[in-house]
Amino acid sequence: MTESLDSTREAAWRAYIEASQRLYTQLEEDLRAESDLSFADYHVLVLLSEAPGQRLRMGELASRLIFSPSRLTYQISSMQRRGMVSKEPCPDDRRGSEAVLTAAGLLALRDAAPHHLASVRTYLMDDLDDDEVACLTRVFGRIGDRLRASRAGSTTHATS
């Protein structure tokens, strides 16, 4: 049997879940209202804009987005139809594919970014002092590192 959380940790967990869901929903609604982009669209555009040559292998992009390969294929296909990305064979490995940011995708990102960042500030960052921001960075950085390591370990074991 799994031991239950003490009341302080249960309250923290519930506050996190409710607030993170509300925050995600609010940011998604604002993004769609201002730009007609989904949160996933925006994240793909950001990652591609920061990548060398504004392109990433599909597997790398799926890993960074924490998407299954089928979910990424659906996402990229949707964005291709809207002209924001293209899908091209990898130059060094013709069996693989890369998602490539298009000029229209870069323009969509540039148009959406100021509105999205304003929402992030309004609904999260402007309400936090420097110590709270540092604490969030420390806590979620550590959790993210542990989850990435755990996922890499389970992938290694699954393929061994």
N, C-alpha and C. Protein backbone atom coordinates (compact mmCIF):
# COMPACT_ATOMS: atom_id res chain seq x y z
N MET A 1 0.84 -1.18 0.00
CA MET A 1 0.00 0.00 0.00
C MET A 1 0.88 1.25 0.00
N THR A 2 0.48 2.24 -0.76
CA THR A 2 1.23 3.48 -0.83
C THR A 2 0.83 4.38 0.33
N GLU A 3 1.84 4.96 0.95
CA GLU A 3 1.60 5.86 2.06
C GLU A 3 1.00 7.16 1.54
N SER A 4 -0.02 7.68 2.22
CA SER A 4 -0.65 8.92 1.78
C SER A 4 0.24 10.12 2.11
N LEU A 5 -0.08 11.23 1.50
CA LEU A 5 0.66 12.47 1.76
C LEU A 5 0.19 13.08 3.06
N ASP A 6 1.09 13.77 3.75
CA ASP A 6 0.63 14.51 4.92
C ASP A 6 -0.19 15.71 4.42
N SER A 7 -0.92 16.35 5.30
CA SER A 7 -1.86 17.40 4.88
C SER A 7 -1.16 18.57 4.20
N THR A 8 0.04 18.90 4.62
CA THR A 8 0.77 20.01 4.00
C THR A 8 1.16 19.66 2.57
N ARG A 9 1.67 18.44 2.36
CA ARG A 9 2.06 18.02 1.01
C ARG A 9 0.84 17.80 0.11
N GLU A 10 -0.23 17.30 0.69
CA GLU A 10 -1.45 17.14 -0.10
C GLU A 10 -1.98 18.50 -0.55
N ALA A 11 -1.97 19.47 0.34
CA ALA A 11 -2.42 20.83 -0.01
C ALA A 11 -1.52 21.42 -1.10
N ALA A 12 -0.21 21.21 -1.00
CA ALA A 12 0.72 21.71 -2.01
C ALA A 12 0.45 21.04 -3.36
N TRP A 13 0.25 19.72 -3.34
CA TRP A 13 -0.02 18.98 -4.57
C TRP A 13 -1.30 19.48 -5.23
N ARG A 14 -2.35 19.62 -4.46
CA ARG A 14 -3.63 20.07 -5.02
C ARG A 14 -3.55 21.51 -5.53
N ALA A 15 -2.85 22.37 -4.81
CA ALA A 15 -2.68 23.75 -5.27
C ALA A 15 -1.90 23.78 -6.59
N TYR A 16 -0.85 22.95 -6.67
CA TYR A 16 -0.06 22.87 -7.90
C TYR A 16 -0.92 22.41 -9.07
N ILE A 17 -1.64 21.31 -8.89
CA ILE A 17 -2.46 20.74 -9.97
C ILE A 17 -3.49 21.75 -10.45
N GLU A 18 -4.24 22.33 -9.53
CA GLU A 18 -5.29 23.26 -9.93
C GLU A 18 -4.71 24.50 -10.58
N ALA A 19 -3.70 25.08 -9.98
CA ALA A 19 -3.12 26.31 -10.54
C ALA A 19 -2.45 26.05 -11.88
N SER A 20 -1.73 24.92 -12.02
CA SER A 20 -1.05 24.66 -13.28
C SER A 20 -2.05 24.40 -14.40
N GLN A 21 -3.16 23.71 -14.10
CA GLN A 21 -4.19 23.51 -15.11
C GLN A 21 -4.86 24.82 -15.50
N ARG A 22 -5.17 25.63 -14.52
CA ARG A 22 -5.78 26.94 -14.81
C ARG A 22 -4.82 27.83 -15.62
N LEU A 23 -3.55 27.82 -15.24
CA LEU A 23 -2.56 28.63 -15.95
C LEU A 23 -2.42 28.17 -17.40
N TYR A 24 -2.28 26.86 -17.60
CA TYR A 24 -2.15 26.33 -18.95
C TYR A 24 -3.38 26.70 -19.79
N THR A 25 -4.56 26.52 -19.23
CA THR A 25 -5.80 26.83 -19.95
C THR A 25 -5.87 28.31 -20.30
N GLN A 26 -5.53 29.17 -19.36
CA GLN A 26 -5.57 30.61 -19.61
C GLN A 26 -4.56 31.02 -20.69
N LEU A 27 -3.34 30.49 -20.60
CA LEU A 27 -2.32 30.82 -21.60
C LEU A 27 -2.73 30.31 -22.98
N GLU A 28 -3.29 29.12 -23.05
CA GLU A 28 -3.76 28.56 -24.32
C GLU A 28 -4.89 29.40 -24.91
N GLU A 29 -5.85 29.79 -24.07
CA GLU A 29 -6.96 30.63 -24.56
C GLU A 29 -6.45 31.97 -25.08
N ASP A 30 -5.56 32.60 -24.33
CA ASP A 30 -5.01 33.89 -24.76
C ASP A 30 -4.24 33.75 -26.08
N LEU A 31 -3.44 32.69 -26.19
CA LEU A 31 -2.64 32.47 -27.39
C LEU A 31 -3.54 32.28 -28.60
N ARG A 32 -4.57 31.47 -28.46
CA ARG A 32 -5.50 31.23 -29.57
C ARG A 32 -6.26 32.50 -29.95
N ALA A 33 -6.64 33.29 -28.95
CA ALA A 33 -7.40 34.51 -29.23
C ALA A 33 -6.55 35.55 -29.97
N GLU A 34 -5.29 35.63 -29.62
CA GLU A 34 -4.41 36.64 -30.22
C GLU A 34 -3.76 36.19 -31.52
N SER A 35 -3.53 34.87 -31.67
CA SER A 35 -2.70 34.42 -32.79
C SER A 35 -3.27 33.25 -33.57
N ASP A 36 -4.29 32.60 -33.06
CA ASP A 36 -4.83 31.39 -33.67
C ASP A 36 -3.83 30.23 -33.62
N LEU A 37 -2.85 30.32 -32.71
CA LEU A 37 -1.91 29.23 -32.48
C LEU A 37 -2.30 28.49 -31.21
N SER A 38 -2.09 27.18 -31.23
CA SER A 38 -2.24 26.42 -29.99
C SER A 38 -0.94 26.52 -29.22
N PHE A 39 -0.97 26.07 -27.96
CA PHE A 39 0.25 26.04 -27.15
C PHE A 39 1.29 25.13 -27.81
N ALA A 40 0.83 23.99 -28.35
CA ALA A 40 1.74 23.06 -29.02
C ALA A 40 2.35 23.71 -30.26
N ASP A 41 1.53 24.42 -31.06
CA ASP A 41 2.05 25.14 -32.22
C ASP A 41 3.16 26.09 -31.80
N TYR A 42 2.88 26.86 -30.78
CA TYR A 42 3.83 27.88 -30.31
C TYR A 42 5.14 27.23 -29.86
N HIS A 43 5.03 26.14 -29.11
CA HIS A 43 6.23 25.47 -28.61
C HIS A 43 7.06 24.90 -29.76
N VAL A 44 6.42 24.32 -30.76
CA VAL A 44 7.13 23.82 -31.94
C VAL A 44 7.87 24.98 -32.62
N LEU A 45 7.17 26.10 -32.81
CA LEU A 45 7.78 27.25 -33.48
C LEU A 45 8.98 27.79 -32.69
N VAL A 46 8.85 27.85 -31.37
CA VAL A 46 9.96 28.33 -30.54
C VAL A 46 11.16 27.40 -30.68
N LEU A 47 10.95 26.09 -30.54
CA LEU A 47 12.06 25.14 -30.61
C LEU A 47 12.74 25.19 -31.98
N LEU A 48 11.96 25.26 -33.05
CA LEU A 48 12.55 25.32 -34.39
C LEU A 48 13.28 26.65 -34.60
N SER A 49 12.74 27.73 -34.08
CA SER A 49 13.40 29.04 -34.26
C SER A 49 14.75 29.09 -33.57
N GLU A 50 14.92 28.33 -32.50
CA GLU A 50 16.17 28.33 -31.73
C GLU A 50 17.18 27.28 -32.22
N ALA A 51 16.74 26.39 -33.09
CA ALA A 51 17.59 25.29 -33.56
C ALA A 51 18.52 25.76 -34.68
N PRO A 52 19.70 25.15 -34.78
CA PRO A 52 20.60 25.48 -35.89
C PRO A 52 19.89 25.25 -37.23
N GLY A 53 19.93 26.24 -38.10
CA GLY A 53 19.28 26.12 -39.39
C GLY A 53 17.76 26.11 -39.30
N GLN A 54 17.24 26.39 -38.11
CA GLN A 54 15.79 26.38 -37.85
C GLN A 54 15.15 25.06 -38.28
N ARG A 55 15.85 23.97 -37.93
CA ARG A 55 15.38 22.63 -38.27
C ARG A 55 15.80 21.65 -37.18
N LEU A 56 14.95 20.66 -36.96
CA LEU A 56 15.25 19.60 -35.99
C LEU A 56 14.75 18.27 -36.54
N ARG A 57 15.52 17.21 -36.25
CA ARG A 57 15.05 15.86 -36.58
C ARG A 57 13.74 15.62 -35.84
N MET A 58 12.86 14.88 -36.45
CA MET A 58 11.55 14.61 -35.86
C MET A 58 11.69 13.95 -34.49
N GLY A 59 12.60 13.00 -34.35
CA GLY A 59 12.79 12.32 -33.06
C GLY A 59 13.25 13.27 -31.97
N GLU A 60 14.17 14.15 -32.31
CA GLU A 60 14.66 15.15 -31.35
C GLU A 60 13.53 16.10 -30.94
N LEU A 61 12.75 16.55 -31.93
CA LEU A 61 11.63 17.45 -31.65
C LEU A 61 10.60 16.76 -30.76
N ALA A 62 10.28 15.52 -31.05
CA ALA A 62 9.32 14.77 -30.22
C ALA A 62 9.83 14.66 -28.79
N SER A 63 11.11 14.37 -28.64
CA SER A 63 11.70 14.25 -27.30
C SER A 63 11.63 15.57 -26.54
N ARG A 64 11.95 16.66 -27.20
CA ARG A 64 11.94 17.97 -26.53
C ARG A 64 10.53 18.43 -26.18
N LEU A 65 9.57 18.05 -27.00
CA LEU A 65 8.17 18.41 -26.73
C LEU A 65 7.50 17.44 -25.77
N ILE A 66 8.14 16.30 -25.54
CA ILE A 66 7.59 15.20 -24.76
C ILE A 66 6.31 14.70 -25.45
N PHE A 67 6.41 14.49 -26.76
CA PHE A 67 5.33 13.98 -27.60
C PHE A 67 5.70 12.58 -28.06
N SER A 68 4.69 11.74 -28.24
CA SER A 68 4.91 10.46 -28.90
C SER A 68 5.18 10.74 -30.39
N PRO A 69 5.83 9.81 -31.08
CA PRO A 69 6.06 10.03 -32.51
C PRO A 69 4.76 10.28 -33.29
N SER A 70 3.69 9.56 -32.95
CA SER A 70 2.43 9.75 -33.69
C SER A 70 1.82 11.12 -33.39
N ARG A 71 1.92 11.57 -32.16
CA ARG A 71 1.40 12.89 -31.83
C ARG A 71 2.19 13.97 -32.56
N LEU A 72 3.51 13.81 -32.64
CA LEU A 72 4.32 14.81 -33.36
C LEU A 72 3.97 14.79 -34.85
N THR A 73 3.80 13.62 -35.43
CA THR A 73 3.44 13.54 -36.84
C THR A 73 2.14 14.29 -37.09
N TYR A 74 1.15 14.09 -36.23
CA TYR A 74 -0.12 14.80 -36.36
C TYR A 74 0.10 16.32 -36.24
N GLN A 75 0.87 16.73 -35.24
CA GLN A 75 1.13 18.15 -35.00
C GLN A 75 1.82 18.79 -36.21
N ILE A 76 2.87 18.16 -36.70
CA ILE A 76 3.62 18.71 -37.83
C ILE A 76 2.76 18.72 -39.09
N SER A 77 1.96 17.69 -39.31
CA SER A 77 1.07 17.67 -40.47
C SER A 77 0.10 18.84 -40.43
N SER A 78 -0.46 19.10 -39.26
CA SER A 78 -1.38 20.23 -39.10
C SER A 78 -0.67 21.56 -39.39
N MET A 79 0.54 21.69 -38.89
CA MET A 79 1.29 22.94 -39.10
C MET A 79 1.76 23.06 -40.55
N GLN A 80 2.04 21.94 -41.21
CA GLN A 80 2.39 21.96 -42.64
C GLN A 80 1.23 22.49 -43.47
N ARG A 81 0.03 22.02 -43.18
CA ARG A 81 -1.15 22.47 -43.93
C ARG A 81 -1.35 23.97 -43.81
N ARG A 82 -0.91 24.54 -42.68
CA ARG A 82 -1.06 25.98 -42.46
C ARG A 82 0.19 26.75 -42.90
N GLY A 83 1.17 26.04 -43.45
CA GLY A 83 2.35 26.68 -44.01
C GLY A 83 3.40 27.14 -43.00
N MET A 84 3.31 26.68 -41.75
CA MET A 84 4.24 27.14 -40.71
C MET A 84 5.53 26.33 -40.66
N VAL A 85 5.46 25.08 -41.07
CA VAL A 85 6.64 24.22 -41.09
C VAL A 85 6.61 23.39 -42.38
N SER A 86 7.77 22.89 -42.73
CA SER A 86 7.84 21.88 -43.78
C SER A 86 8.52 20.66 -43.19
N LYS A 87 8.38 19.55 -43.86
CA LYS A 87 9.03 18.32 -43.43
C LYS A 87 9.93 17.87 -44.57
N GLU A 88 11.21 17.71 -44.26
CA GLU A 88 12.19 17.40 -45.29
C GLU A 88 13.04 16.21 -44.86
N PRO A 89 13.58 15.48 -45.84
CA PRO A 89 14.50 14.39 -45.49
C PRO A 89 15.75 14.96 -44.81
N CYS A 90 16.31 14.22 -43.88
CA CYS A 90 17.56 14.63 -43.24
C CYS A 90 18.66 14.59 -44.28
N PRO A 91 19.48 15.63 -44.36
CA PRO A 91 20.56 15.64 -45.34
C PRO A 91 21.58 14.53 -45.11
N ASP A 92 21.84 14.18 -43.85
CA ASP A 92 22.87 13.18 -43.54
C ASP A 92 22.31 11.77 -43.37
N ASP A 93 20.98 11.62 -43.36
CA ASP A 93 20.36 10.30 -43.18
C ASP A 93 19.00 10.34 -43.86
N ARG A 94 18.94 9.91 -45.07
CA ARG A 94 17.71 10.00 -45.88
C ARG A 94 16.53 9.23 -45.29
N ARG A 95 16.81 8.33 -44.34
CA ARG A 95 15.71 7.59 -43.70
C ARG A 95 14.96 8.46 -42.71
N GLY A 96 15.63 9.48 -42.17
CA GLY A 96 15.02 10.35 -41.17
C GLY A 96 14.42 11.59 -41.80
N SER A 97 13.60 12.27 -41.03
CA SER A 97 12.98 13.51 -41.48
C SER A 97 13.26 14.62 -40.48
N GLU A 98 13.23 15.83 -40.99
CA GLU A 98 13.38 17.02 -40.15
C GLU A 98 12.18 17.91 -40.32
N ALA A 99 11.79 18.55 -39.23
CA ALA A 99 10.80 19.62 -39.29
C ALA A 99 11.60 20.90 -39.49
N VAL A 100 11.14 21.73 -40.41
CA VAL A 100 11.85 22.95 -40.77
C VAL A 100 10.89 24.13 -40.65
N LEU A 101 11.34 25.16 -39.96
CA LEU A 101 10.54 26.38 -39.80
C LEU A 101 10.47 27.12 -41.13
N THR A 102 9.28 27.54 -41.53
CA THR A 102 9.12 28.33 -42.75
C THR A 102 9.09 29.81 -42.39
N ALA A 103 9.18 30.65 -43.41
CA ALA A 103 9.09 32.09 -43.18
C ALA A 103 7.75 32.45 -42.55
N ALA A 104 6.68 31.78 -42.99
CA ALA A 104 5.35 32.04 -42.42
C ALA A 104 5.30 31.63 -40.95
N GLY A 105 5.96 30.52 -40.62
CA GLY A 105 6.01 30.08 -39.23
C GLY A 105 6.78 31.05 -38.35
N LEU A 106 7.89 31.55 -38.86
CA LEU A 106 8.68 32.53 -38.11
C LEU A 106 7.88 33.81 -37.91
N LEU A 107 7.16 34.25 -38.92
CA LEU A 107 6.33 35.44 -38.81
C LEU A 107 5.21 35.22 -37.79
N ALA A 108 4.58 34.04 -37.81
CA ALA A 108 3.53 33.72 -36.84
C ALA A 108 4.08 33.76 -35.42
N LEU A 109 5.29 33.22 -35.23
CA LEU A 109 5.92 33.25 -33.91
C LEU A 109 6.22 34.68 -33.48
N ARG A 110 6.78 35.46 -34.36
CA ARG A 110 7.12 36.85 -34.04
C ARG A 110 5.87 37.67 -33.71
N ASP A 111 4.78 37.40 -34.40
CA ASP A 111 3.52 38.10 -34.12
C ASP A 111 2.92 37.66 -32.78
N ALA A 112 3.03 36.37 -32.47
CA ALA A 112 2.39 35.82 -31.26
C ALA A 112 3.20 36.08 -30.00
N ALA A 113 4.52 36.12 -30.12
CA ALA A 113 5.39 36.17 -28.93
C ALA A 113 5.09 37.32 -27.98
N PRO A 114 4.94 38.55 -28.44
CA PRO A 114 4.68 39.63 -27.47
C PRO A 114 3.39 39.42 -26.67
N HIS A 115 2.35 38.93 -27.33
CA HIS A 115 1.07 38.69 -26.64
C HIS A 115 1.21 37.53 -25.65
N HIS A 116 1.89 36.48 -26.08
CA HIS A 116 2.07 35.32 -25.20
C HIS A 116 2.91 35.71 -23.98
N LEU A 117 3.99 36.42 -24.20
CA LEU A 117 4.84 36.83 -23.07
C LEU A 117 4.09 37.76 -22.13
N ALA A 118 3.21 38.59 -22.67
CA ALA A 118 2.39 39.46 -21.80
C ALA A 118 1.48 38.61 -20.93
N SER A 119 0.91 37.54 -21.48
CA SER A 119 0.07 36.64 -20.69
C SER A 119 0.88 35.92 -19.63
N VAL A 120 2.08 35.46 -19.98
CA VAL A 120 2.94 34.79 -19.00
C VAL A 120 3.26 35.75 -17.86
N ARG A 121 3.56 36.98 -18.20
CA ARG A 121 3.84 37.97 -17.15
C ARG A 121 2.61 38.21 -16.29
N THR A 122 1.47 38.43 -16.93
CA THR A 122 0.23 38.76 -16.21
C THR A 122 -0.20 37.65 -15.27
N TYR A 123 -0.18 36.41 -15.77
CA TYR A 123 -0.75 35.31 -15.00
C TYR A 123 0.25 34.54 -14.15
N LEU A 124 1.54 34.85 -14.28
CA LEU A 124 2.52 34.14 -13.47
C LEU A 124 3.63 35.04 -12.97
N MET A 125 4.47 35.51 -13.84
CA MET A 125 5.72 36.14 -13.43
C MET A 125 5.58 37.45 -12.65
N ASP A 126 4.63 38.29 -13.03
CA ASP A 126 4.51 39.58 -12.35
C ASP A 126 4.04 39.46 -10.90
N ASP A 127 3.52 38.29 -10.55
CA ASP A 127 3.03 38.07 -9.19
C ASP A 127 4.09 37.46 -8.28
N LEU A 128 5.28 37.18 -8.85
CA LEU A 128 6.33 36.52 -8.08
C LEU A 128 7.49 37.47 -7.82
N ASP A 129 8.07 37.38 -6.62
CA ASP A 129 9.28 38.16 -6.36
C ASP A 129 10.49 37.34 -6.82
N ASP A 130 11.66 37.94 -6.77
CA ASP A 130 12.87 37.29 -7.28
C ASP A 130 13.18 35.97 -6.56
N ASP A 131 12.94 35.92 -5.24
CA ASP A 131 13.19 34.68 -4.50
C ASP A 131 12.24 33.57 -4.93
N GLU A 132 10.98 33.91 -5.21
CA GLU A 132 10.01 32.91 -5.65
C GLU A 132 10.35 32.40 -7.05
N VAL A 133 10.80 33.29 -7.93
CA VAL A 133 11.21 32.87 -9.27
C VAL A 133 12.41 31.92 -9.16
N ALA A 134 13.37 32.27 -8.33
CA ALA A 134 14.54 31.41 -8.13
C ALA A 134 14.13 30.06 -7.56
N CYS A 135 13.18 30.05 -6.63
CA CYS A 135 12.70 28.80 -6.04
C CYS A 135 12.01 27.93 -7.10
N LEU A 136 11.13 28.54 -7.91
CA LEU A 136 10.47 27.78 -8.98
C LEU A 136 11.49 27.18 -9.94
N THR A 137 12.48 27.97 -10.31
CA THR A 137 13.51 27.50 -11.23
C THR A 137 14.27 26.32 -10.63
N ARG A 138 14.62 26.44 -9.37
CA ARG A 138 15.36 25.38 -8.68
C ARG A 138 14.51 24.11 -8.57
N VAL A 139 13.29 24.25 -8.11
CA VAL A 139 12.42 23.09 -7.89
C VAL A 139 12.10 22.40 -9.21
N PHE A 140 11.62 23.15 -10.21
CA PHE A 140 11.22 22.51 -11.45
C PHE A 140 12.41 22.09 -12.29
N GLY A 141 13.54 22.74 -12.14
CA GLY A 141 14.76 22.28 -12.79
C GLY A 141 15.17 20.92 -12.26
N ARG A 142 15.14 20.77 -10.94
CA ARG A 142 15.51 19.50 -10.31
C ARG A 142 14.53 18.39 -10.69
N ILE A 143 13.23 18.70 -10.66
CA ILE A 143 12.22 17.70 -11.02
C ILE A 143 12.38 17.31 -12.49
N GLY A 144 12.58 18.30 -13.35
CA GLY A 144 12.76 18.01 -14.78
C GLY A 144 13.98 17.15 -15.03
N ASP A 145 15.08 17.46 -14.35
CA ASP A 145 16.30 16.65 -14.50
C ASP A 145 16.06 15.21 -14.07
N ARG A 146 15.38 15.04 -12.94
CA ARG A 146 15.12 13.69 -12.43
C ARG A 146 14.21 12.91 -13.38
N LEU A 147 13.18 13.58 -13.91
CA LEU A 147 12.27 12.90 -14.83
C LEU A 147 12.96 12.55 -16.15
N ARG A 148 13.80 13.45 -16.67
CA ARG A 148 14.55 13.15 -17.89
C ARG A 148 15.48 11.95 -17.66
N ALA A 149 16.16 11.93 -16.52
CA ALA A 149 17.07 10.82 -16.21
C ALA A 149 16.29 9.52 -16.06
N SER A 150 15.14 9.59 -15.40
CA SER A 150 14.31 8.40 -15.21
C SER A 150 13.81 7.88 -16.56
N ARG A 151 13.39 8.78 -17.42
CA ARG A 151 12.89 8.40 -18.75
C ARG A 151 14.02 7.82 -19.59
N ALA A 152 15.19 8.43 -19.53
CA ALA A 152 16.35 7.91 -20.27
C ALA A 152 16.73 6.53 -19.75
N GLY A 153 16.66 6.34 -18.44
CA GLY A 153 16.97 5.03 -17.85
C GLY A 153 15.97 3.98 -18.28
N SER A 154 14.69 4.33 -18.33
CA SER A 154 13.68 3.35 -18.73
C SER A 154 13.80 3.05 -20.21
N THR A 155 14.20 4.03 -21.02
CA THR A 155 14.40 3.80 -22.45
C THR A 155 15.60 2.90 -22.66
N THR A 156 16.67 3.14 -21.88
CA THR A 156 17.87 2.31 -21.99
C THR A 156 17.55 0.87 -21.63
N HIS A 157 16.80 0.68 -20.54
CA HIS A 157 16.44 -0.68 -20.13
C HIS A 157 15.53 -1.36 -21.14
N ALA A 158 14.63 -0.57 -21.74
CA ALA A 158 13.68 -1.14 -22.69
C ALA A 158 14.38 -1.58 -23.97
N THR A 159 15.48 -0.90 -24.33
CA THR A 159 16.16 -1.24 -25.56
C THR A 159 17.34 -2.18 -25.35
N SER A 160 17.65 -2.48 -24.09
CA SER A 160 18.81 -3.35 -23.79
C SER A 160 18.46 -4.80 -24.04
